[in-house]
């Protein structure tokens, strides 16, 4: 797993921790809306990269799940896999 993906997972963990640990605060509210925004953006990326995920071979659900969680950070791996096909 790349450093970028690990950092993104850490950011997700901090955002979720803020929402859970500080309910009703401004920090929790901001973290909540950041999470919602990331979900929407990553769903759009799943749609945008669907064809690339199909061309990459391997497990389509795994590729789409990684695009959902990591977005553009997973694109180079799919492009490399598609080039090997």
N, C-alpha and C. Protein backbone atom coordinates (compact mmCIF):
# COMPACT_ATOMS: atom_id res chain seq x y z
N UNK A 1 0.86 -1.18 0.00
CA UNK A 1 0.00 0.00 0.00
C UNK A 1 0.90 1.23 0.00
N UNK A 2 0.54 2.18 -0.84
CA UNK A 2 1.37 3.37 -0.98
C UNK A 2 1.25 4.28 0.24
N UNK A 3 2.23 5.15 0.37
CA UNK A 3 2.24 6.11 1.48
C UNK A 3 1.01 7.02 1.41
N UNK A 4 0.63 7.42 0.19
CA UNK A 4 -0.53 8.28 0.02
C UNK A 4 -1.81 7.62 0.53
N UNK A 5 -1.95 6.33 0.25
CA UNK A 5 -3.14 5.61 0.72
C UNK A 5 -3.15 5.50 2.24
N UNK A 6 -2.00 5.25 2.83
CA UNK A 6 -1.90 5.16 4.29
C UNK A 6 -2.25 6.51 4.93
N UNK A 7 -1.74 7.59 4.36
CA UNK A 7 -2.04 8.93 4.88
C UNK A 7 -3.54 9.20 4.76
N UNK A 8 -4.15 8.82 3.65
CA UNK A 8 -5.57 9.04 3.46
C UNK A 8 -6.39 8.24 4.48
N UNK A 9 -5.99 7.01 4.76
CA UNK A 9 -6.67 6.23 5.79
C UNK A 9 -6.55 6.90 7.16
N UNK A 10 -5.39 7.46 7.45
CA UNK A 10 -5.21 8.17 8.72
C UNK A 10 -6.11 9.40 8.79
N UNK A 11 -6.24 10.11 7.69
CA UNK A 11 -7.13 11.28 7.65
C UNK A 11 -8.57 10.86 7.88
N UNK A 12 -8.99 9.77 7.21
CA UNK A 12 -10.34 9.25 7.45
C UNK A 12 -10.55 8.91 8.92
N UNK A 13 -9.56 8.26 9.53
CA UNK A 13 -9.67 7.87 10.93
C UNK A 13 -9.82 9.09 11.84
N UNK A 14 -9.07 10.15 11.56
CA UNK A 14 -9.16 11.37 12.37
C UNK A 14 -10.54 12.01 12.20
N UNK A 15 -11.03 12.07 10.97
CA UNK A 15 -12.35 12.66 10.72
C UNK A 15 -13.45 11.89 11.44
N UNK A 16 -13.40 10.56 11.35
CA UNK A 16 -14.41 9.74 12.03
C UNK A 16 -14.28 9.89 13.55
N UNK A 17 -13.06 9.94 14.05
CA UNK A 17 -12.86 10.12 15.49
C UNK A 17 -13.43 11.45 15.97
N UNK A 18 -13.26 12.50 15.19
CA UNK A 18 -13.83 13.80 15.56
C UNK A 18 -15.35 13.73 15.62
N UNK A 19 -15.96 13.10 14.63
CA UNK A 19 -17.42 13.00 14.61
C UNK A 19 -17.93 12.21 15.81
N UNK A 20 -17.23 11.13 16.16
CA UNK A 20 -17.67 10.27 17.26
C UNK A 20 -17.35 10.87 18.62
N UNK A 21 -16.15 11.41 18.77
CA UNK A 21 -15.68 11.86 20.08
C UNK A 21 -16.22 13.24 20.49
N UNK A 22 -16.54 14.06 19.51
CA UNK A 22 -16.96 15.43 19.84
C UNK A 22 -18.32 15.77 19.23
N UNK A 23 -19.34 14.98 19.53
CA UNK A 23 -20.65 15.25 18.91
C UNK A 23 -21.18 16.63 19.31
N UNK A 24 -21.80 17.28 18.34
CA UNK A 24 -22.39 18.58 18.62
C UNK A 24 -21.45 19.76 18.55
N UNK A 25 -20.18 19.51 18.30
CA UNK A 25 -19.22 20.61 18.23
C UNK A 25 -19.02 21.04 16.78
N UNK A 26 -18.43 22.20 16.63
CA UNK A 26 -18.13 22.69 15.28
C UNK A 26 -17.15 21.76 14.57
N UNK A 27 -16.16 21.27 15.30
CA UNK A 27 -15.17 20.36 14.71
C UNK A 27 -15.84 19.10 14.18
N UNK A 28 -16.77 18.54 14.93
CA UNK A 28 -17.48 17.35 14.49
C UNK A 28 -18.35 17.65 13.27
N UNK A 29 -18.97 18.81 13.27
CA UNK A 29 -19.81 19.19 12.14
C UNK A 29 -18.98 19.36 10.87
N UNK A 30 -17.87 20.03 10.99
CA UNK A 30 -16.98 20.22 9.83
C UNK A 30 -16.45 18.87 9.35
N UNK A 31 -16.03 18.01 10.27
CA UNK A 31 -15.53 16.69 9.91
C UNK A 31 -16.62 15.88 9.20
N UNK A 32 -17.84 15.97 9.70
CA UNK A 32 -18.96 15.26 9.09
C UNK A 32 -19.16 15.71 7.64
N UNK A 33 -19.15 17.00 7.40
CA UNK A 33 -19.36 17.50 6.04
C UNK A 33 -18.18 17.19 5.13
N UNK A 34 -17.00 17.13 5.68
CA UNK A 34 -15.84 16.70 4.87
C UNK A 34 -16.02 15.25 4.45
N UNK A 35 -16.47 14.40 5.38
CA UNK A 35 -16.70 12.99 5.06
C UNK A 35 -17.77 12.86 3.98
N UNK A 36 -18.87 13.59 4.13
CA UNK A 36 -19.94 13.54 3.13
C UNK A 36 -19.42 13.98 1.76
N UNK A 37 -18.65 15.05 1.73
CA UNK A 37 -18.08 15.54 0.47
C UNK A 37 -17.16 14.49 -0.15
N UNK A 38 -16.32 13.87 0.67
CA UNK A 38 -15.42 12.83 0.15
C UNK A 38 -16.20 11.65 -0.41
N UNK A 39 -17.27 11.26 0.24
CA UNK A 39 -18.09 10.15 -0.25
C UNK A 39 -18.66 10.49 -1.63
N UNK A 40 -19.20 11.69 -1.77
CA UNK A 40 -19.78 12.09 -3.07
C UNK A 40 -18.71 12.14 -4.15
N UNK A 41 -17.59 12.76 -3.84
CA UNK A 41 -16.50 12.88 -4.83
C UNK A 41 -15.99 11.49 -5.23
N UNK A 42 -15.82 10.62 -4.27
CA UNK A 42 -15.29 9.29 -4.58
C UNK A 42 -16.31 8.44 -5.33
N UNK A 43 -17.60 8.64 -5.08
CA UNK A 43 -18.61 7.95 -5.89
C UNK A 43 -18.53 8.40 -7.34
N UNK A 44 -18.31 9.69 -7.54
CA UNK A 44 -18.14 10.21 -8.91
C UNK A 44 -16.90 9.62 -9.56
N UNK A 45 -15.83 9.44 -8.77
CA UNK A 45 -14.61 8.83 -9.31
C UNK A 45 -14.84 7.36 -9.67
N UNK A 46 -15.63 6.65 -8.88
CA UNK A 46 -15.96 5.27 -9.20
C UNK A 46 -16.63 5.20 -10.57
N UNK A 47 -17.56 6.12 -10.81
CA UNK A 47 -18.25 6.16 -12.10
C UNK A 47 -17.25 6.52 -13.21
N UNK A 48 -16.41 7.51 -12.96
CA UNK A 48 -15.47 7.98 -13.97
C UNK A 48 -14.42 6.92 -14.32
N UNK A 49 -14.00 6.13 -13.35
CA UNK A 49 -12.93 5.16 -13.57
C UNK A 49 -13.43 3.73 -13.77
N UNK A 50 -14.74 3.56 -13.95
CA UNK A 50 -15.30 2.22 -14.08
C UNK A 50 -14.69 1.46 -15.26
N UNK A 51 -14.62 2.09 -16.41
CA UNK A 51 -14.07 1.42 -17.60
C UNK A 51 -12.59 1.05 -17.39
N UNK A 52 -11.84 1.94 -16.78
CA UNK A 52 -10.44 1.65 -16.50
C UNK A 52 -10.33 0.46 -15.55
N UNK A 53 -11.19 0.40 -14.56
CA UNK A 53 -11.18 -0.71 -13.61
C UNK A 53 -11.50 -2.03 -14.34
N UNK A 54 -12.40 -1.98 -15.30
CA UNK A 54 -12.70 -3.18 -16.09
C UNK A 54 -11.49 -3.61 -16.90
N UNK A 55 -10.80 -2.65 -17.52
CA UNK A 55 -9.63 -2.97 -18.35
C UNK A 55 -8.45 -3.46 -17.52
N UNK A 56 -8.42 -3.09 -16.24
CA UNK A 56 -7.28 -3.44 -15.40
C UNK A 56 -7.21 -4.93 -15.09
N UNK A 57 -8.30 -5.64 -15.29
CA UNK A 57 -8.30 -7.06 -14.98
C UNK A 57 -8.33 -7.28 -13.48
N UNK A 58 -8.28 -8.51 -13.09
CA UNK A 58 -8.37 -8.81 -11.66
C UNK A 58 -9.80 -8.61 -11.18
N UNK A 59 -9.94 -8.35 -9.92
CA UNK A 59 -11.26 -8.23 -9.31
C UNK A 59 -11.82 -6.82 -9.50
N UNK A 60 -12.90 -6.73 -10.27
CA UNK A 60 -13.55 -5.43 -10.48
C UNK A 60 -14.05 -4.83 -9.17
N UNK A 61 -14.73 -5.62 -8.29
CA UNK A 61 -15.18 -5.02 -7.03
C UNK A 61 -14.03 -4.48 -6.17
N UNK A 62 -12.90 -5.15 -6.19
CA UNK A 62 -11.75 -4.68 -5.40
C UNK A 62 -11.24 -3.36 -5.96
N UNK A 63 -11.13 -3.28 -7.28
CA UNK A 63 -10.68 -2.03 -7.89
C UNK A 63 -11.66 -0.89 -7.56
N UNK A 64 -12.95 -1.16 -7.69
CA UNK A 64 -13.94 -0.11 -7.42
C UNK A 64 -13.93 0.30 -5.95
N UNK A 65 -13.74 -0.67 -5.06
CA UNK A 65 -13.66 -0.34 -3.63
C UNK A 65 -12.44 0.53 -3.35
N UNK A 66 -11.32 0.20 -3.98
CA UNK A 66 -10.11 1.01 -3.78
C UNK A 66 -10.28 2.40 -4.37
N UNK A 67 -10.96 2.51 -5.51
CA UNK A 67 -11.24 3.83 -6.07
C UNK A 67 -12.15 4.60 -5.11
N UNK A 68 -13.14 3.93 -4.51
CA UNK A 68 -14.04 4.60 -3.58
C UNK A 68 -13.27 5.14 -2.38
N UNK A 69 -12.36 4.35 -1.82
CA UNK A 69 -11.62 4.80 -0.64
C UNK A 69 -10.47 5.73 -0.97
N UNK A 70 -9.77 5.47 -2.08
CA UNK A 70 -8.54 6.21 -2.35
C UNK A 70 -8.60 7.13 -3.56
N UNK A 71 -9.65 7.03 -4.33
CA UNK A 71 -9.83 7.92 -5.47
C UNK A 71 -8.71 7.85 -6.47
N UNK A 72 -8.23 9.00 -6.85
CA UNK A 72 -7.22 9.14 -7.89
C UNK A 72 -5.91 8.44 -7.52
N UNK A 73 -5.68 8.18 -6.24
CA UNK A 73 -4.45 7.50 -5.83
C UNK A 73 -4.38 6.07 -6.34
N UNK A 74 -5.52 5.47 -6.66
CA UNK A 74 -5.53 4.09 -7.17
C UNK A 74 -5.41 4.04 -8.69
N UNK A 75 -5.60 5.15 -9.36
CA UNK A 75 -5.58 5.18 -10.82
C UNK A 75 -4.28 4.67 -11.43
N UNK A 76 -3.10 5.08 -10.94
CA UNK A 76 -1.85 4.57 -11.56
C UNK A 76 -1.73 3.04 -11.49
N UNK A 77 -2.21 2.45 -10.40
CA UNK A 77 -2.14 0.98 -10.28
C UNK A 77 -3.05 0.33 -11.32
N UNK A 78 -4.23 0.90 -11.53
CA UNK A 78 -5.15 0.34 -12.54
C UNK A 78 -4.58 0.53 -13.93
N UNK A 79 -3.97 1.69 -14.20
CA UNK A 79 -3.39 1.94 -15.52
C UNK A 79 -2.25 0.95 -15.80
N UNK A 80 -1.44 0.69 -14.79
CA UNK A 80 -0.34 -0.26 -14.97
C UNK A 80 -0.88 -1.67 -15.22
N UNK A 81 -1.92 -2.05 -14.49
CA UNK A 81 -2.53 -3.38 -14.69
C UNK A 81 -3.17 -3.47 -16.06
N UNK A 82 -3.82 -2.41 -16.51
CA UNK A 82 -4.46 -2.40 -17.83
C UNK A 82 -3.40 -2.50 -18.94
N UNK A 83 -2.25 -1.88 -18.74
CA UNK A 83 -1.18 -1.92 -19.74
C UNK A 83 -0.60 -3.34 -19.86
N UNK A 84 -0.63 -4.10 -18.78
CA UNK A 84 -0.13 -5.48 -18.81
C UNK A 84 -1.10 -6.43 -19.49
N UNK A 85 -2.36 -6.02 -19.62
CA UNK A 85 -3.38 -6.90 -20.21
C UNK A 85 -3.18 -7.07 -21.69
